[in-house]
Amino acid sequence: MKQKAFLWIGVLISALFLYIALRDIAFHQFLFALRRADVMPVVGAFFLMLVIYLLRTARWQAIIRSSTEISLRHTFNILMIGFFGNNVLPARAGEFIRAILLRRQIQVTKSFALGTIVVERVTDVAALVGLLLLALYRIPPQNLPAVTTEVRAVALGVLALFVAGMAVLLWGRVWVVELLRRTFALVVSDETAARLASKFDHFSQGLEVLRRPRELALVSALSVLSWAGMVVVFFLVFTAFHFDLPLSAAGFAVGLVNLGMVVPASPGYVGTYEFFMVKSLGAFKIASGVALAFALVTRLLWYLIEVIVGAACLWSSHLPIKQLFRMSRADDQTSSNNNANS
């Protein structure tokens, strides 16, 4: 029931954003822009996207290896299956699927795995906020879409909240876990309270990379490189569509669109991606029909990679899609039993 509720909520939000993005579209502009686009810059952007996914794999591996070993191949398989899940399942279930698969692959707790994913997402938000702020210096304020202020404020708020929370968990870990145990014990049994508190303890272990300056610098550098690569991808597609726009415009579009995709939506971020793309390119006087064509091409670049490569990794792991949520429930039960016995 929860999965269906999340799915329908996402579909409704996507439908609203898609309606707003499409309501003033001149579809003859959309078709004309697609027909005159050059193919070779898009091909170059596609191969650069493949490199970006390798950078993201190396980043997640670096986060995990601050506490335990894992091969690059296994990291890549799990990462791509997670991206596949985000595109075909509701409520961004791919992130939880990643945690489940990582737990099974290297015998860590699911809470630890989720901690590593949170570090990854926080570095993403930090890099995107920095990218957006840098791009804003090159764009006249009167050209900015109204939604820019809201997206920037929400992103900064979320980033500050996550950073503060991770700092408390890292440097006050023992105190926080004990406080949680005592708080839970007020409403549940001591055994259950200890088990729940231990999940937060395992989660904080997934943040271990933040204690190590060298590994943290590597993770930060890989984040910057991957998003800088995405800026170049957008710029290459700018060239394909004959946009006479600077690199800062590509940076603004990458920052606004990807931060905007934090908004809950249907699988594949349908609607939110198109809405924020039309808004970001509209700041540079790109017609909405042309911006939608650009959105379609850039979406296909990452969507096809995540779905096709992710499905291939899923197939090689012998995991049917229908078993993914069953795995989640089974792992929750197993984790609870293990913690109770420890």
Protein backbone atom coordinates (compact mmCIF):
# COMPACT_ATOMS: atom_id res chain seq x y z
CA MET A 1 0.00 0.00 0.00
CA LYS A 2 2.82 2.41 0.82
CA GLN A 3 4.52 1.68 -2.50
CA LYS A 4 1.27 2.39 -4.37
CA ALA A 5 0.74 5.61 -2.37
CA PHE A 6 4.25 6.85 -3.16
CA LEU A 7 3.76 5.93 -6.81
CA TRP A 8 0.50 7.85 -7.16
CA ILE A 9 1.80 10.88 -5.27
CA GLY A 10 4.84 10.94 -7.57
CA VAL A 11 2.68 10.57 -10.67
CA LEU A 12 0.44 13.46 -9.62
CA ILE A 13 3.42 15.73 -8.91
CA SER A 14 5.02 14.74 -12.22
CA ALA A 15 1.78 15.41 -14.09
CA LEU A 16 1.54 18.89 -12.54
CA PHE A 17 5.13 19.82 -13.42
CA LEU A 18 4.81 18.33 -16.88
CA TYR A 19 1.62 20.29 -17.53
CA ILE A 20 3.28 23.55 -16.47
CA ALA A 21 6.33 22.79 -18.62
CA LEU A 22 4.29 21.88 -21.71
CA ARG A 23 1.33 24.25 -21.59
CA ASP A 24 3.02 27.03 -23.59
CA ILE A 25 5.17 24.80 -25.80
CA ALA A 26 5.26 25.50 -29.54
CA PHE A 27 5.71 21.95 -30.82
CA HIS A 28 6.80 23.06 -34.27
CA GLN A 29 9.83 24.65 -32.53
CA PHE A 30 10.41 21.38 -30.67
CA LEU A 31 10.41 19.32 -33.88
CA PHE A 32 12.49 21.85 -35.83
CA ALA A 33 15.13 21.96 -33.09
CA LEU A 34 15.42 18.16 -33.10
CA ARG A 35 15.71 17.99 -36.89
CA ARG A 36 18.54 20.53 -37.12
CA ALA A 37 20.55 19.25 -34.15
CA ASP A 38 24.02 17.88 -34.95
CA VAL A 39 24.68 14.28 -34.00
CA MET A 40 28.43 14.23 -33.35
CA PRO A 41 28.45 16.53 -30.27
CA VAL A 42 25.71 14.33 -28.78
CA VAL A 43 27.82 11.22 -29.42
CA GLY A 44 30.74 12.90 -27.66
CA ALA A 45 28.44 13.81 -24.75
CA PHE A 46 27.32 10.18 -24.51
CA PHE A 47 30.86 8.85 -24.12
CA LEU A 48 31.64 11.57 -21.58
CA MET A 49 28.57 10.43 -19.63
CA LEU A 50 30.06 6.94 -19.44
CA VAL A 51 33.20 8.42 -17.89
CA ILE A 52 31.06 10.32 -15.39
CA TYR A 53 29.46 7.08 -14.19
CA LEU A 54 32.92 5.62 -13.68
CA LEU A 55 33.84 8.68 -11.60
CA ARG A 56 30.70 8.21 -9.50
CA THR A 57 31.61 4.55 -9.03
CA ALA A 58 35.12 5.47 -7.85
CA ARG A 59 33.63 8.04 -5.46
CA TRP A 60 31.25 5.60 -3.82
CA GLN A 61 34.01 3.01 -3.58
CA ALA A 62 36.23 5.56 -1.82
CA ILE A 63 33.45 6.26 0.69
CA ILE A 64 32.90 2.57 1.40
CA ARG A 65 36.61 1.72 1.58
CA SER A 66 37.12 4.15 4.43
CA SER A 67 35.63 1.35 6.56
CA THR A 68 35.76 -1.87 4.50
CA GLU A 69 37.02 -3.26 1.19
CA ILE A 70 35.00 -3.60 -2.01
CA SER A 71 36.03 -4.02 -5.63
CA LEU A 72 35.34 -1.43 -8.30
CA ARG A 73 33.36 -3.97 -10.34
CA HIS A 74 30.99 -4.80 -7.50
CA THR A 75 30.59 -1.11 -6.68
CA PHE A 76 29.70 -0.35 -10.30
CA ASN A 77 27.15 -3.18 -10.50
CA ILE A 78 25.38 -2.13 -7.31
CA LEU A 79 25.44 1.56 -8.25
CA MET A 80 23.92 0.98 -11.69
CA ILE A 81 21.24 -1.33 -10.29
CA GLY A 82 20.36 1.45 -7.87
CA PHE A 83 20.09 3.98 -10.69
CA PHE A 84 17.94 1.50 -12.60
CA GLY A 85 15.67 1.23 -9.57
CA ASN A 86 15.30 5.01 -9.33
CA ASN A 87 14.06 5.07 -12.92
CA VAL A 88 11.52 2.24 -12.75
CA LEU A 89 10.39 2.09 -9.10
CA PRO A 90 8.58 4.69 -6.95
CA ALA A 91 9.97 6.79 -4.09
CA ARG A 92 13.58 6.58 -5.36
CA ALA A 93 13.66 2.98 -4.15
CA GLY A 94 16.98 2.51 -5.94
CA GLU A 95 18.83 4.06 -3.00
CA PHE A 96 17.44 1.45 -0.59
CA ILE A 97 18.10 -1.29 -3.12
CA ARG A 98 21.73 -0.16 -3.23
CA ALA A 99 21.92 -0.44 0.55
CA ILE A 100 20.43 -3.93 0.47
CA LEU A 101 22.78 -5.15 -2.25
CA LEU A 102 25.83 -3.61 -0.57
CA ARG A 103 24.88 -5.34 2.66
CA ARG A 104 24.70 -8.68 0.90
CA GLN A 105 27.89 -8.13 -1.08
CA ILE A 106 30.28 -7.17 1.71
CA GLN A 107 28.34 -8.22 4.85
CA VAL A 108 27.78 -4.77 6.33
CA THR A 109 24.60 -3.51 7.97
CA LYS A 110 22.00 -1.77 5.85
CA SER A 111 22.29 1.27 8.12
CA PHE A 112 26.01 1.50 7.33
CA ALA A 113 25.25 1.24 3.61
CA LEU A 114 22.67 4.02 3.85
CA GLY A 115 25.24 6.16 5.63
CA THR A 116 27.63 5.88 2.68
CA ILE A 117 24.82 6.84 0.30
CA VAL A 118 23.98 9.88 2.41
CA VAL A 119 27.61 11.03 2.22
CA GLU A 120 27.46 10.61 -1.55
CA ARG A 121 24.26 12.64 -1.84
CA VAL A 122 25.51 15.39 0.46
CA THR A 123 28.65 15.84 -1.64
CA ASP A 124 26.39 15.99 -4.71
CA VAL A 125 24.25 18.74 -3.20
CA ALA A 126 27.34 20.66 -2.04
CA ALA A 127 28.89 20.50 -5.52
CA LEU A 128 25.62 21.51 -7.20
CA VAL A 129 25.02 24.42 -4.84
CA GLY A 130 28.57 25.64 -5.46
CA LEU A 131 28.07 25.26 -9.20
CA LEU A 132 24.79 27.17 -9.12
CA LEU A 133 26.24 29.99 -7.02
CA LEU A 134 29.24 30.33 -9.35
CA ALA A 135 26.98 30.45 -12.40
CA LEU A 136 24.73 33.08 -10.83
CA TYR A 137 27.59 35.59 -10.81
CA ARG A 138 27.59 35.52 -14.63
CA ILE A 139 23.83 35.88 -15.13
CA PRO A 140 21.93 39.19 -14.77
CA PRO A 141 19.45 38.87 -11.87
CA GLN A 142 16.55 40.07 -14.02
CA ASN A 143 17.04 37.06 -16.32
CA LEU A 144 16.78 34.47 -13.57
CA PRO A 145 13.57 32.41 -13.34
CA ALA A 146 11.61 33.05 -10.14
CA VAL A 147 12.04 29.42 -9.05
CA THR A 148 15.83 29.92 -8.73
CA THR A 149 15.55 31.62 -5.35
CA GLU A 150 13.38 28.86 -3.91
CA VAL A 151 15.57 26.05 -5.24
CA ARG A 152 18.73 27.72 -3.92
CA ALA A 153 17.19 28.34 -0.48
CA VAL A 154 15.86 24.78 -0.14
CA ALA A 155 19.17 23.29 -1.32
CA LEU A 156 21.18 25.37 1.13
CA GLY A 157 18.78 24.47 3.94
CA VAL A 158 18.94 20.76 3.18
CA LEU A 159 22.72 20.88 2.89
CA ALA A 160 23.09 22.72 6.22
CA LEU A 161 20.73 20.26 7.93
CA PHE A 162 22.58 17.20 6.63
CA VAL A 163 26.02 18.62 7.43
CA ALA A 164 24.95 19.51 10.98
CA GLY A 165 23.37 16.10 11.49
CA MET A 166 26.44 14.26 10.20
CA ALA A 167 28.74 16.38 12.37
CA VAL A 168 26.72 15.51 15.47
CA LEU A 169 26.72 11.81 14.59
CA LEU A 170 30.45 11.77 13.87
CA TRP A 171 31.81 13.70 16.82
CA GLY A 172 29.12 12.89 19.36
CA ARG A 173 28.41 9.37 18.23
CA VAL A 174 28.50 7.61 21.63
CA TRP A 175 26.46 10.37 23.28
CA VAL A 176 23.86 10.44 20.48
CA VAL A 177 23.42 6.66 20.42
CA GLU A 178 22.98 6.53 24.20
CA LEU A 179 20.50 9.43 24.12
CA LEU A 180 18.50 7.67 21.41
CA ARG A 181 18.51 4.42 23.35
CA ARG A 182 17.15 6.13 26.47
CA THR A 183 14.55 8.02 24.44
CA PHE A 184 13.33 4.89 22.65
CA ALA A 185 13.24 3.03 25.99
CA LEU A 186 10.50 5.40 27.14
CA VAL A 187 8.05 3.93 24.62
CA VAL A 188 9.42 0.45 23.75
CA SER A 189 11.25 -2.35 25.53
CA ASP A 190 14.92 -1.99 26.43
CA GLU A 191 15.84 -4.69 23.91
CA THR A 192 14.00 -2.92 21.07
CA ALA A 193 15.40 0.46 22.11
CA ALA A 194 18.96 -0.91 22.01
CA ARG A 195 18.34 -2.42 18.58
CA LEU A 196 16.97 0.84 17.18
CA ALA A 197 19.83 2.86 18.64
CA SER A 198 22.35 0.42 17.15
CA LYS A 199 20.99 1.23 13.67
CA PHE A 200 22.02 4.86 14.16
CA ASP A 201 25.41 3.67 15.38
CA HIS A 202 25.90 1.61 12.21
CA PHE A 203 24.65 4.53 10.11
CA SER A 204 27.27 6.84 11.63
CA GLN A 205 29.97 4.31 10.72
CA GLY A 206 29.00 4.86 7.08
CA LEU A 207 30.09 8.48 7.53
CA GLU A 208 33.62 7.45 8.52
CA VAL A 209 35.14 8.97 5.39
CA LEU A 210 34.38 12.43 6.82
CA ARG A 211 36.94 11.80 9.56
CA ARG A 212 39.76 11.16 7.08
CA PRO A 213 41.04 14.28 5.31
CA ARG A 214 42.77 12.41 2.47
CA GLU A 215 39.77 10.23 1.61
CA LEU A 216 37.39 13.15 2.03
CA ALA A 217 39.49 15.24 -0.35
CA LEU A 218 39.36 12.38 -2.90
CA VAL A 219 35.57 12.06 -2.58
CA SER A 220 35.14 15.83 -2.93
CA ALA A 221 37.42 15.97 -5.97
CA LEU A 222 35.53 13.12 -7.66
CA SER A 223 32.24 14.92 -6.98
CA VAL A 224 33.54 18.14 -8.51
CA LEU A 225 34.95 16.26 -11.51
CA SER A 226 31.72 14.36 -12.16
CA TRP A 227 29.57 17.49 -12.07
CA ALA A 228 32.10 19.48 -14.08
CA GLY A 229 31.87 16.68 -16.61
CA MET A 230 28.11 17.07 -16.65
CA VAL A 231 28.54 20.78 -17.39
CA VAL A 232 30.67 19.82 -20.40
CA VAL A 233 27.97 17.32 -21.45
CA PHE A 234 25.38 20.11 -21.45
CA PHE A 235 27.76 22.41 -23.29
CA LEU A 236 28.34 19.78 -25.99
CA VAL A 237 24.60 19.44 -26.46
CA PHE A 238 24.41 23.27 -26.56
CA THR A 239 26.76 22.98 -29.54
CA ALA A 240 24.55 20.32 -31.12
CA PHE A 241 21.55 22.64 -30.88
CA HIS A 242 23.57 25.67 -32.09
CA PHE A 243 23.08 27.60 -28.84
CA ASP A 244 25.43 30.58 -28.57
CA LEU A 245 25.72 30.30 -24.80
CA PRO A 246 28.72 30.39 -22.44
CA LEU A 247 29.90 27.53 -20.22
CA SER A 248 28.36 29.33 -17.22
CA ALA A 249 24.92 28.83 -18.79
CA ALA A 250 25.54 25.09 -18.87
CA GLY A 251 26.63 25.23 -15.23
CA PHE A 252 23.47 27.10 -14.27
CA ALA A 253 21.27 24.56 -16.08
CA VAL A 254 23.05 21.58 -14.51
CA GLY A 255 22.78 23.10 -11.03
CA LEU A 256 19.15 24.20 -11.23
CA VAL A 257 17.85 21.07 -12.96
CA ASN A 258 19.57 18.56 -10.67
CA LEU A 259 18.74 20.43 -7.48
CA GLY A 260 15.16 20.76 -8.71
CA MET A 261 14.98 16.99 -9.16
CA VAL A 262 15.00 16.67 -5.35
CA VAL A 263 11.25 17.35 -5.63
CA PRO A 264 9.36 14.03 -5.29
CA ALA A 265 8.20 12.76 -8.67
CA SER A 266 7.36 9.61 -10.58
CA PRO A 267 10.12 7.13 -11.52
CA GLY A 268 12.63 8.70 -13.90
CA TYR A 269 11.94 12.24 -12.59
CA VAL A 270 9.35 12.79 -15.33
CA GLY A 271 7.98 16.32 -15.28
CA THR A 272 10.41 17.85 -12.81
CA TYR A 273 13.34 17.37 -15.19
CA GLU A 274 11.48 19.01 -18.09
CA PHE A 275 10.10 21.82 -15.92
CA PHE A 276 13.44 22.92 -14.50
CA MET A 277 15.18 22.53 -17.85
CA VAL A 278 12.68 24.82 -19.59
CA LYS A 279 13.01 27.33 -16.74
CA SER A 280 16.82 27.29 -16.70
CA LEU A 281 17.21 27.70 -20.47
CA GLY A 282 14.47 30.33 -20.51
CA ALA A 283 16.84 32.52 -18.50
CA PHE A 284 18.95 32.70 -21.69
CA LYS A 285 16.03 33.45 -24.02
CA ILE A 286 15.83 29.87 -25.34
CA ALA A 287 12.28 29.22 -26.55
CA SER A 288 10.37 26.66 -24.49
CA GLY A 289 9.90 24.32 -27.47
CA VAL A 290 13.63 24.31 -28.15
CA ALA A 291 14.39 23.87 -24.44
CA LEU A 292 12.09 20.85 -24.36
CA ALA A 293 13.97 19.31 -27.30
CA PHE A 294 17.24 19.90 -25.41
CA ALA A 295 15.69 18.27 -22.33
CA LEU A 296 14.68 15.22 -24.35
CA VAL A 297 18.19 14.70 -25.75
CA THR A 298 19.99 15.18 -22.42
CA ARG A 299 17.44 12.95 -20.67
CA LEU A 300 18.06 10.17 -23.19
CA LEU A 301 21.81 10.40 -22.54
CA TRP A 302 21.55 9.50 -18.85
CA TYR A 303 18.27 7.60 -18.92
CA LEU A 304 19.40 5.06 -21.51
CA ILE A 305 22.69 4.47 -19.70
CA GLU A 306 21.02 4.00 -16.33
CA VAL A 307 18.23 1.77 -17.63
CA ILE A 308 20.17 -0.35 -20.14
CA VAL A 309 23.40 -0.72 -18.15
CA GLY A 310 21.46 -1.02 -14.89
CA ALA A 311 19.24 -3.75 -16.36
CA ALA A 312 22.34 -5.58 -17.64
CA CYS A 313 23.91 -5.43 -14.16
CA LEU A 314 20.63 -6.63 -12.66
CA TRP A 315 20.50 -9.53 -15.11
CA SER A 316 24.11 -10.49 -14.42
CA SER A 317 23.28 -10.54 -10.70
CA HIS A 318 20.34 -12.91 -11.35
CA LEU A 319 17.90 -10.61 -9.55
CA PRO A 320 14.41 -10.26 -11.06
CA ILE A 321 12.85 -6.84 -10.50
CA LYS A 322 9.93 -8.32 -8.57
CA GLN A 323 12.34 -9.61 -5.92
CA LEU A 324 13.86 -6.24 -5.07
CA PHE A 325 11.22 -5.19 -2.55
CA ARG A 326 11.03 -8.72 -1.17
CA MET A 327 14.76 -8.47 -0.52
CA SER A 328 14.17 -5.27 1.45
CA ARG A 329 11.64 -6.90 3.77
CA ALA A 330 13.79 -10.02 4.19
CA ASP A 331 16.87 -7.95 5.02
CA ASP A 332 14.96 -5.89 7.58
CA GLN A 333 13.90 -9.08 9.35
CA THR A 334 17.38 -10.60 9.20
CA SER A 335 18.99 -7.38 10.45
CA SER A 336 16.55 -7.21 13.35
CA ASN A 337 17.25 -10.82 14.33
CA ASN A 338 21.02 -10.30 14.15
CA ASN A 339 20.90 -7.18 16.28
CA ALA A 340 18.65 -8.87 18.84
CA ASN A 341 21.07 -11.77 19.13
CA SER A 342 24.20 -9.63 19.39
